[in-house]
PDB file of N, CA and C in Angstrom:
ATOM      1  N   MET A   1     -13.171 -12.177 -14.560  1.00  0.00           N
ATOM      2  CA  MET A   1     -12.890 -10.892 -13.385  1.00  0.00           C
ATOM      3  C   MET A   1     -11.790 -10.961 -12.261  1.00  0.00           C
ATOM      4  N   THR A   2     -10.965  -9.472 -12.659  1.00  0.00           N
ATOM      5  CA  THR A   2     -10.244  -9.688 -11.011  1.00  0.00           C
ATOM      6  C   THR A   2     -10.249  -8.354 -10.599  1.00  0.00           C
ATOM      7  N   ASN A   3      -9.869  -8.642  -9.010  1.00  0.00           N
ATOM      8  CA  ASN A   3      -9.779  -7.695  -7.965  1.00  0.00           C
ATOM      9  C   ASN A   3      -9.028  -7.013  -7.723  1.00  0.00           C
ATOM     10  N   THR A   4      -8.074  -5.913  -6.893  1.00  0.00           N
ATOM     11  CA  THR A   4      -7.095  -5.329  -6.679  1.00  0.00           C
ATOM     12  C   THR A   4      -7.148  -5.132  -5.441  1.00  0.00           C
ATOM     13  N   TYR A   5      -6.695  -5.265  -4.372  1.00  0.00           N
ATOM     14  CA  TYR A   5      -7.100  -4.526  -2.951  1.00  0.00           C
ATOM     15  C   TYR A   5      -5.744  -4.137  -2.751  1.00  0.00           C
ATOM     16  N   THR A   6      -5.542  -3.007  -2.268  1.00  0.00           N
ATOM     17  CA  THR A   6      -4.620  -2.193  -1.458  1.00  0.00           C
ATOM     18  C   THR A   6      -4.344  -1.710   0.139  1.00  0.00           C
ATOM     19  N   PHE A   7      -3.582  -2.023   0.948  1.00  0.00           N
ATOM     20  CA  PHE A   7      -3.312  -2.053   2.468  1.00  0.00           C
ATOM     21  C   PHE A   7      -2.253  -1.323   2.604  1.00  0.00           C
ATOM     22  N   THR A   8      -2.600  -0.619   3.831  1.00  0.00           N
ATOM     23  CA  THR A   8      -1.428   0.003   4.372  1.00  0.00           C
ATOM     24  C   THR A   8      -0.600  -0.371   5.314  1.00  0.00           C
ATOM     25  N   ILE A   9       0.931  -0.923   5.421  1.00  0.00           N
ATOM     26  CA  ILE A   9       1.401  -1.038   6.455  1.00  0.00           C
ATOM     27  C   ILE A   9       2.081   0.111   7.206  1.00  0.00           C
ATOM     28  N   SER A  10       2.435  -0.085   8.480  1.00  0.00           N
ATOM     29  CA  SER A  10       3.305   1.289   8.767  1.00  0.00           C
ATOM     30  C   SER A  10       4.494   0.965   8.560  1.00  0.00           C
ATOM     31  N   ASP A  11       5.371   1.891   9.212  1.00  0.00           N
ATOM     32  CA  ASP A  11       6.695   2.033   8.788  1.00  0.00           C
ATOM     33  C   ASP A  11       7.290   0.830   9.819  1.00  0.00           C
ATOM     34  N   GLU A  12       6.880   0.868  11.293  1.00  0.00           N
ATOM     35  CA  GLU A  12       7.235  -0.511  12.034  1.00  0.00           C
ATOM     36  C   GLU A  12       6.778  -1.502  11.801  1.00  0.00           C
ATOM     37  N   ASP A  13       5.532  -1.858  11.433  1.00  0.00           N
ATOM     38  CA  ASP A  13       4.857  -3.069  11.114  1.00  0.00           C
ATOM     39  C   ASP A  13       5.781  -3.767  10.097  1.00  0.00           C
ATOM     40  N   LEU A  14       6.728  -3.169   9.060  1.00  0.00           N
ATOM     41  CA  LEU A  14       7.205  -3.103   7.394  1.00  0.00           C
ATOM     42  C   LEU A  14       8.753  -3.733   8.391  1.00  0.00           C
ATOM     43  N   ALA A  15       9.210  -2.870   9.935  1.00  0.00           N
ATOM     44  CA  ALA A  15      10.684  -3.086   9.887  1.00  0.00           C
ATOM     45  C   ALA A  15      10.398  -4.227  10.471  1.00  0.00           C
ATOM     46  N   ALA A  16       9.006  -4.552  11.154  1.00  0.00           N
ATOM     47  CA  ALA A  16       9.235  -5.889  12.099  1.00  0.00           C
ATOM     48  C   ALA A  16       8.962  -7.005  11.039  1.00  0.00           C
ATOM     49  N   LEU A  17       8.383  -7.009   9.619  1.00  0.00           N
ATOM     50  CA  LEU A  17       8.191  -7.583   8.957  1.00  0.00           C
ATOM     51  C   LEU A  17       9.523  -8.224   8.230  1.00  0.00           C
ATOM     52  N   HIS A  18       9.934  -7.156   8.036  1.00  0.00           N
ATOM     53  CA  HIS A  18      11.604  -7.151   7.486  1.00  0.00           C
ATOM     54  C   HIS A  18      12.588  -8.258   8.119  1.00  0.00           C
ATOM     55  N   HIS A  19      12.747  -7.983   9.739  1.00  0.00           N
ATOM     56  CA  HIS A  19      13.468  -8.444  10.510  1.00  0.00           C
ATOM     57  C   HIS A  19      13.407 -10.173  10.880  1.00  0.00           C
ATOM     58  N   VAL A  20      12.211 -10.734  10.274  1.00  0.00           N
ATOM     59  CA  VAL A  20      11.726 -11.976   9.754  1.00  0.00           C
ATOM     60  C   VAL A  20      11.540 -12.681   9.039  1.00  0.00           C
ATOM     61  N   ILE A  21      11.032 -11.840   8.167  1.00  0.00           N
ATOM     62  CA  ILE A  21      10.960 -12.295   6.162  1.00  0.00           C
ATOM     63  C   ILE A  21      11.959 -12.058   5.413  1.00  0.00           C
ATOM     64  N   LEU A  22      12.313 -12.640   4.785  1.00  0.00           N
ATOM     65  CA  LEU A  22      12.999 -12.470   3.635  1.00  0.00           C
ATOM     66  C   LEU A  22      12.987 -11.303   2.814  1.00  0.00           C
ATOM     67  N   ASP A  23      11.710 -11.861   1.828  1.00  0.00           N
ATOM     68  CA  ASP A  23      10.441 -10.972   1.160  1.00  0.00           C
ATOM     69  C   ASP A  23       9.211 -11.109   0.845  1.00  0.00           C
ATOM     70  N   THR A  24       9.176  -9.808   1.874  1.00  0.00           N
ATOM     71  CA  THR A  24       7.595  -9.385   2.447  1.00  0.00           C
ATOM     72  C   THR A  24       6.768  -9.669   1.242  1.00  0.00           C
ATOM     73  N   GLU A  25       6.972  -9.174   0.121  1.00  0.00           N
ATOM     74  CA  GLU A  25       5.972  -9.305  -1.106  1.00  0.00           C
ATOM     75  C   GLU A  25       5.840 -10.430  -1.590  1.00  0.00           C
ATOM     76  N   GLU A  26       6.941 -11.529  -1.585  1.00  0.00           N
ATOM     77  CA  GLU A  26       6.429 -13.012  -1.946  1.00  0.00           C
ATOM     78  C   GLU A  26       5.938 -13.240  -0.691  1.00  0.00           C
ATOM     79  N   TRP A  27       6.303 -13.575   0.706  1.00  0.00           N
ATOM     80  CA  TRP A  27       5.228 -13.608   1.486  1.00  0.00           C
ATOM     81  C   TRP A  27       3.848 -13.564   1.671  1.00  0.00           C
ATOM     82  N   LEU A  28       3.411 -12.206   1.648  1.00  0.00           N
ATOM     83  CA  LEU A  28       2.090 -11.995   1.783  1.00  0.00           C
ATOM     84  C   LEU A  28       1.455 -12.412   0.122  1.00  0.00           C
ATOM     85  N   THR A  29       1.874 -12.519  -0.763  1.00  0.00           N
ATOM     86  CA  THR A  29       1.299 -13.347  -2.702  1.00  0.00           C
ATOM     87  C   THR A  29       1.051 -14.516  -1.528  1.00  0.00           C
ATOM     88  N   ASN A  30       2.187 -15.662  -1.194  1.00  0.00           N
ATOM     89  CA  ASN A  30       1.901 -16.711  -1.259  1.00  0.00           C
ATOM     90  C   ASN A  30       0.824 -17.063   0.105  1.00  0.00           C
ATOM     91  N   LEU A  31       0.808 -16.223   0.966  1.00  0.00           N
ATOM     92  CA  LEU A  31      -0.605 -16.355   2.664  1.00  0.00           C
ATOM     93  C   LEU A  31      -1.614 -15.873   1.379  1.00  0.00           C
ATOM     94  N   LEU A  32      -1.494 -15.047   0.713  1.00  0.00           N
ATOM     95  CA  LEU A  32      -3.062 -14.888   0.190  1.00  0.00           C
ATOM     96  C   LEU A  32      -2.870 -16.243  -0.759  1.00  0.00           C
ATOM     97  N   GLN A  33      -2.066 -16.397  -1.738  1.00  0.00           N
ATOM     98  CA  GLN A  33      -2.414 -17.381  -2.363  1.00  0.00           C
ATOM     99  C   GLN A  33      -3.152 -19.019  -1.523  1.00  0.00           C
ATOM    100  N   ASN A  34      -2.392 -19.124  -0.487  1.00  0.00           N
ATOM    101  CA  ASN A  34      -2.476 -20.783   0.131  1.00  0.00           C
ATOM    102  C   ASN A  34      -3.879 -20.455   0.618  1.00  0.00           C
ATOM    103  N   LYS A  35      -4.453 -19.074   1.173  1.00  0.00           N
ATOM    104  CA  LYS A  35      -5.501 -18.656   2.344  1.00  0.00           C
ATOM    105  C   LYS A  35      -6.699 -19.067   0.816  1.00  0.00           C
ATOM    106  N   ILE A  36      -6.512 -18.709  -0.216  1.00  0.00           N
ATOM    107  CA  ILE A  36      -7.486 -18.959  -1.311  1.00  0.00           C
ATOM    108  C   ILE A  36      -7.406 -20.257  -1.480  1.00  0.00           C
ATOM    109  N   ILE A  37      -6.432 -20.811  -1.918  1.00  0.00           N
ATOM    110  CA  ILE A  37      -6.590 -22.427  -2.078  1.00  0.00           C
ATOM    111  C   ILE A  37      -7.544 -23.320  -0.873  1.00  0.00           C
ATOM    112  N   ALA A  38      -7.176 -22.760   0.528  1.00  0.00           N
ATOM    113  CA  ALA A  38      -8.273 -23.489   1.412  1.00  0.00           C
ATOM    114  C   ALA A  38      -9.595 -23.002   0.660  1.00  0.00           C
ATOM    115  N   CYS A  39      -9.560 -21.632   0.785  1.00  0.00           N
ATOM    116  CA  CYS A  39     -11.002 -21.378   0.991  1.00  0.00           C
ATOM    117  C   CYS A  39     -11.849 -22.168  -0.663  1.00  0.00           C
ATOM    118  N   ARG A  40     -10.961 -22.206  -1.613  1.00  0.00           N
ATOM    119  CA  ARG A  40     -11.654 -23.111  -2.651  1.00  0.00           C
ATOM    120  C   ARG A  40     -12.058 -24.624  -2.200  1.00  0.00           C
ATOM    121  N   GLU A  41     -10.828 -24.862  -1.482  1.00  0.00           N
ATOM    122  CA  GLU A  41     -11.197 -26.456  -1.089  1.00  0.00           C
ATOM    123  C   GLU A  41     -12.483 -26.592  -0.184  1.00  0.00           C
ATOM    124  N   LYS A  42     -12.623 -25.678   0.822  1.00  0.00           N
ATOM    125  CA  LYS A  42     -13.891 -25.613   1.387  1.00  0.00           C
ATOM    126  C   LYS A  42     -15.014 -25.779   0.213  1.00  0.00           C
ATOM    127  N   LEU A  43     -14.890 -24.613  -0.136  1.00  0.00           N
ATOM    128  CA  LEU A  43     -16.286 -24.429  -1.296  1.00  0.00           C
ATOM    129  C   LEU A  43     -16.512 -25.399  -1.707  1.00  0.00           C
ATOM    130  N   VAL A  44     -15.903 -25.914  -2.970  1.00  0.00           N
ATOM    131  CA  VAL A  44     -15.819 -27.222  -3.326  1.00  0.00           C
ATOM    132  C   VAL A  44     -16.524 -28.200  -2.632  1.00  0.00           C
ATOM    133  N   THR A  45     -16.093 -28.918  -1.580  1.00  0.00           N
ATOM    134  CA  THR A  45     -16.610 -30.015  -0.332  1.00  0.00           C
ATOM    135  C   THR A  45     -17.565 -29.049  -0.285  1.00  0.00           C
ATOM    136  N   ASP A  46     -17.956 -28.266   0.009  1.00  0.00           N
ATOM    137  CA  ASP A  46     -19.474 -27.826   0.899  1.00  0.00           C
ATOM    138  C   ASP A  46     -20.252 -27.816  -0.034  1.00  0.00           C
ATOM    139  N   GLY A  47     -19.853 -27.973  -1.819  1.00  0.00           N
ATOM    140  CA  GLY A  47     -20.215 -27.077  -2.711  1.00  0.00           C
ATOM    141  C   GLY A  47     -21.080 -28.946  -2.980  1.00  0.00           C
ATOM    142  N   VAL A  48     -20.359 -29.787  -3.467  1.00  0.00           N
ATOM    143  CA  VAL A  48     -20.571 -31.277  -3.921  1.00  0.00           C
ATOM    144  C   VAL A  48     -21.861 -31.771  -3.210  1.00  0.00           C
ATOM    145  N   ASP A  49     -21.631 -30.998  -1.452  1.00  0.00           N
ATOM    146  CA  ASP A  49     -22.296 -31.540  -0.601  1.00  0.00           C
ATOM    147  C   ASP A  49     -23.522 -31.410  -0.150  1.00  0.00           C
ATOM    148  N   THR A  50     -23.711 -30.181  -0.805  1.00  0.00           N
ATOM    149  CA  THR A  50     -25.060 -29.758  -1.226  1.00  0.00           C
ATOM    150  C   THR A  50     -25.821 -29.389  -2.641  1.00  0.00           C
ATOM    151  N   LEU A  51     -24.836 -29.528  -3.640  1.00  0.00           N
ATOM    152  CA  LEU A  51     -25.153 -30.400  -4.709  1.00  0.00           C
ATOM    153  C   LEU A  51     -25.525 -32.299  -4.777  1.00  0.00           C
ATOM    154  N   LYS A  52     -25.097 -32.940  -4.102  1.00  0.00           N
ATOM    155  CA  LYS A  52     -25.655 -34.397  -3.740  1.00  0.00           C
ATOM    156  C   LYS A  52     -26.534 -34.162  -2.996  1.00  0.00           C
ATOM    157  N   ALA A  53     -27.005 -33.453  -2.011  1.00  0.00           N
ATOM    158  CA  ALA A  53     -28.331 -33.433  -1.258  1.00  0.00           C
ATOM    159  C   ALA A  53     -29.437 -32.955  -2.390  1.00  0.00           C
ATOM    160  N   ASP A  54     -29.174 -31.998  -3.717  1.00  0.00           N
ATOM    161  CA  ASP A  54     -30.667 -31.358  -3.681  1.00  0.00           C
ATOM    162  C   ASP A  54     -31.058 -32.658  -5.608  1.00  0.00           C
ATOM    163  N   ASP A  55     -31.917 -32.848  -5.002  1.00  0.00           N
ATOM    164  CA  ASP A  55     -32.852 -33.797  -5.725  1.00  0.00           C
ATOM    165  C   ASP A  55     -32.980 -33.216  -7.374  1.00  0.00           C
ATOM    166  N   THR A  56     -32.497 -32.251  -7.510  1.00  0.00           N
ATOM    167  CA  THR A  56     -32.725 -31.491  -9.017  1.00  0.00           C
ATOM    168  C   THR A  56     -31.700 -31.278  -9.919  1.00  0.00           C
ATOM    169  N   VAL A  57     -30.828 -31.826  -8.930  1.00  0.00           N
ATOM    170  CA  VAL A  57     -29.447 -31.878  -9.569  1.00  0.00           C
ATOM    171  C   VAL A  57     -28.936 -32.735 -10.125  1.00  0.00           C
ATOM    172  N   GLU A  58     -28.836 -32.984 -11.532  1.00  0.00           N
ATOM    173  CA  GLU A  58     -28.849 -34.326 -12.514  1.00  0.00           C
ATOM    174  C   GLU A  58     -27.519 -34.691 -12.499  1.00  0.00           C
ATOM    175  N   SER A  59     -26.232 -33.917 -12.459  1.00  0.00           N
ATOM    176  CA  SER A  59     -24.759 -33.943 -12.345  1.00  0.00           C
ATOM    177  C   SER A  59     -24.251 -33.099 -11.834  1.00  0.00           C
ATOM    178  N   ILE A  60     -22.655 -33.032 -11.532  1.00  0.00           N
ATOM    179  CA  ILE A  60     -21.997 -32.492 -10.792  1.00  0.00           C
ATOM    180  C   ILE A  60     -21.068 -32.305 -11.879  1.00  0.00           C
ATOM    181  N   PRO A  61     -20.211 -30.917 -12.169  1.00  0.00           N
ATOM    182  CA  PRO A  61     -18.742 -31.038 -12.437  1.00  0.00           C
ATOM    183  C   PRO A  61     -17.998 -32.153 -12.320  1.00  0.00           C
ATOM    184  N   ALA A  62     -16.775 -32.021 -13.161  1.00  0.00           N
ATOM    185  CA  ALA A  62     -16.083 -32.703 -12.833  1.00  0.00           C
ATOM    186  C   ALA A  62     -15.070 -31.764 -12.354  1.00  0.00           C
ATOM    187  N   SER A  63     -14.553 -30.761 -12.909  1.00  0.00           N
ATOM    188  CA  SER A  63     -13.457 -29.805 -12.248  1.00  0.00           C
ATOM    189  C   SER A  63     -14.608 -28.675 -11.239  1.00  0.00           C
ATOM    190  N   ASP A  64     -12.906 -28.383 -10.063  1.00  0.00           N
ATOM    191  CA  ASP A  64     -13.748 -27.366  -9.283  1.00  0.00           C
ATOM    192  C   ASP A  64     -13.842 -26.135  -9.306  1.00  0.00           C
ATOM    193  N   SER A  65     -13.731 -25.754 -10.607  1.00  0.00           N
ATOM    194  CA  SER A  65     -14.277 -24.171 -11.377  1.00  0.00           C
ATOM    195  C   SER A  65     -15.727 -24.789 -11.673  1.00  0.00           C
ATOM    196  N   GLY A  66     -15.841 -25.870 -12.124  1.00  0.00           N
ATOM    197  CA  GLY A  66     -16.999 -25.948 -12.808  1.00  0.00           C
ATOM    198  C   GLY A  66     -18.371 -25.913 -11.358  1.00  0.00           C
ATOM    199  N   ILE A  67     -17.578 -26.717 -10.242  1.00  0.00           N
ATOM    200  CA  ILE A  67     -18.451 -26.639  -9.171  1.00  0.00           C
ATOM    201  C   ILE A  67     -19.221 -25.447  -8.945  1.00  0.00           C
ATOM    202  N   ILE A  68     -17.768 -24.553  -8.566  1.00  0.00           N
ATOM    203  CA  ILE A  68     -17.395 -23.441  -7.739  1.00  0.00           C
ATOM    204  C   ILE A  68     -18.619 -22.426  -8.545  1.00  0.00           C
ATOM    205  N   GLN A  69     -18.198 -22.568  -9.956  1.00  0.00           N
ATOM    206  CA  GLN A  69     -19.592 -21.443 -10.861  1.00  0.00           C
ATOM    207  C   GLN A  69     -21.154 -22.155 -10.626  1.00  0.00           C
ATOM    208  N   MET A  70     -21.177 -23.895 -10.179  1.00  0.00           N
ATOM    209  CA  MET A  70     -22.482 -24.253 -10.585  1.00  0.00           C
ATOM    210  C   MET A  70     -23.202 -23.798  -8.762  1.00  0.00           C
ATOM    211  N   ILE A  71     -21.941 -23.418  -7.843  1.00  0.00           N
ATOM    212  CA  ILE A  71     -22.802 -23.078  -6.125  1.00  0.00           C
ATOM    213  C   ILE A  71     -23.116 -21.804  -6.493  1.00  0.00           C
ATOM    214  N   ILE A  72     -22.176 -20.651  -7.313  1.00  0.00           N
ATOM    215  CA  ILE A  72     -22.188 -19.372  -6.923  1.00  0.00           C
ATOM    216  C   ILE A  72     -23.570 -19.220  -7.695  1.00  0.00           C
ATOM    217  N   ALA A  73     -24.117 -19.511  -8.445  1.00  0.00           N
ATOM    218  CA  ALA A  73     -24.908 -19.326  -9.531  1.00  0.00           C
ATOM    219  C   ALA A  73     -26.348 -20.081  -8.721  1.00  0.00           C
ATOM    220  N   ARG A  74     -26.442 -20.496  -7.435  1.00  0.00           N
ATOM    221  CA  ARG A  74     -27.883 -21.126  -7.081  1.00  0.00           C
ATOM    222  C   ARG A  74     -28.550 -19.779  -6.813  1.00  0.00           C
ATOM    223  N   SER A  75     -29.559 -20.163  -6.190  1.00  0.00           N
ATOM    224  CA  SER A  75     -30.392 -18.451  -5.664  1.00  0.00           C
ATOM    225  C   SER A  75     -30.712 -18.821  -4.388  1.00  0.00           C
ATOM    226  N   ASP A  76     -29.757 -20.270  -3.297  1.00  0.00           N
ATOM    227  CA  ASP A  76     -29.842 -20.251  -2.444  1.00  0.00           C
ATOM    228  C   ASP A  76     -28.201 -19.931  -2.124  1.00  0.00           C
ATOM    229  N   TYR A  77     -27.638 -19.389  -2.844  1.00  0.00           N
ATOM    230  CA  TYR A  77     -25.943 -19.457  -2.288  1.00  0.00           C
ATOM    231  C   TYR A  77     -25.756 -17.926  -1.706  1.00  0.00           C
ATOM    232  N   LYS A  78     -25.393 -18.205  -0.461  1.00  0.00           N
ATOM    233  CA  LYS A  78     -24.817 -17.313   0.104  1.00  0.00           C
ATOM    234  C   LYS A  78     -23.557 -17.466   0.637  1.00  0.00           C
ATOM    235  N   ILE A  79     -22.849 -15.662   0.931  1.00  0.00           N
ATOM    236  CA  ILE A  79     -21.485 -15.391   0.834  1.00  0.00           C
ATOM    237  C   ILE A  79     -21.122 -15.861   2.809  1.00  0.00           C
ATOM    238  N   ARG A  80     -20.021 -16.104   3.184  1.00  0.00           N
ATOM    239  CA  ARG A  80     -19.969 -15.963   4.495  1.00  0.00           C
ATOM    240  C   ARG A  80     -20.528 -14.931   5.141  1.00  0.00           C
ATOM    241  N   LYS A  81     -20.785 -13.634   4.997  1.00  0.00           N
ATOM    242  CA  LYS A  81     -21.074 -12.562   5.862  1.00  0.00           C
ATOM    243  C   LYS A  81     -22.882 -12.703   5.396  1.00  0.00           C
ATOM    244  N   GLU A  82     -23.265 -12.960   4.593  1.00  0.00           N
ATOM    245  CA  GLU A  82     -24.804 -13.300   4.337  1.00  0.00           C
ATOM    246  C   GLU A  82     -24.838 -14.283   5.251  1.00  0.00           C
ATOM    247  N   GLN A  83     -24.504 -15.689   5.028  1.00  0.00           N
ATOM    248  CA  GLN A  83     -24.384 -16.844   6.020  1.00  0.00           C
ATOM    249  C   GLN A  83     -25.046 -16.244   7.559  1.00  0.00           C
ATOM    250  N   LEU A  84     -23.604 -15.844   8.073  1.00  0.00           N
ATOM    251  CA  LEU A  84     -23.684 -14.844   9.615  1.00  0.00           C
ATOM    252  C   LEU A  84     -24.965 -14.074  10.128  1.00  0.00           C
ATOM    253  N   VAL A  85     -25.502 -13.458   8.589  1.00  0.00           N
ATOM    254  CA  VAL A  85     -26.561 -12.374   8.964  1.00  0.00           C
ATOM    255  C   VAL A  85     -27.400 -13.293   9.181  1.00  0.00           C
ATOM    256  N   SER A  86     -27.708 -14.245   8.682  1.00  0.00           N
ATOM    257  CA  SER A  86     -29.231 -15.246   8.317  1.00  0.00           C
ATOM    258  C   SER A  86     -29.077 -16.144   9.559  1.00  0.00           C
ATOM    259  N   ALA A  87     -28.244 -16.216  10.221  1.00  0.00           N
ATOM    260  CA  ALA A  87     -27.875 -17.431  11.283  1.00  0.00           C
ATOM    261  C   ALA A  87     -28.053 -16.236  12.560  1.00  0.00           C
ATOM    262  N   SER A  88     -28.199 -15.081  12.395  1.00  0.00           N
ATOM    263  CA  SER A  88     -28.276 -14.677  13.584  1.00  0.00           C
ATOM    264  C   SER A  88     -29.892 -13.960  13.681  1.00  0.00           C
TER     265      SER A  88
END
């Protein structure tokens, strides 16, 4: 599955970006890709810790993708927004 997001930048803000950044589209793409990489790394690290602490888990996948799929399939998995709601 893929998701598409669209956002609006004012002419003034775009001018400011163009003043500093050579290729705004490439910069935004790289910015998002780097954030995704960091979030995936955090999810995998937290996920491995969760799986290791669960006595019912017999094996942990060898790939990051497998770990992510295993974690998000758990009934106790919560996205960040849900974590904040349950903490308050």
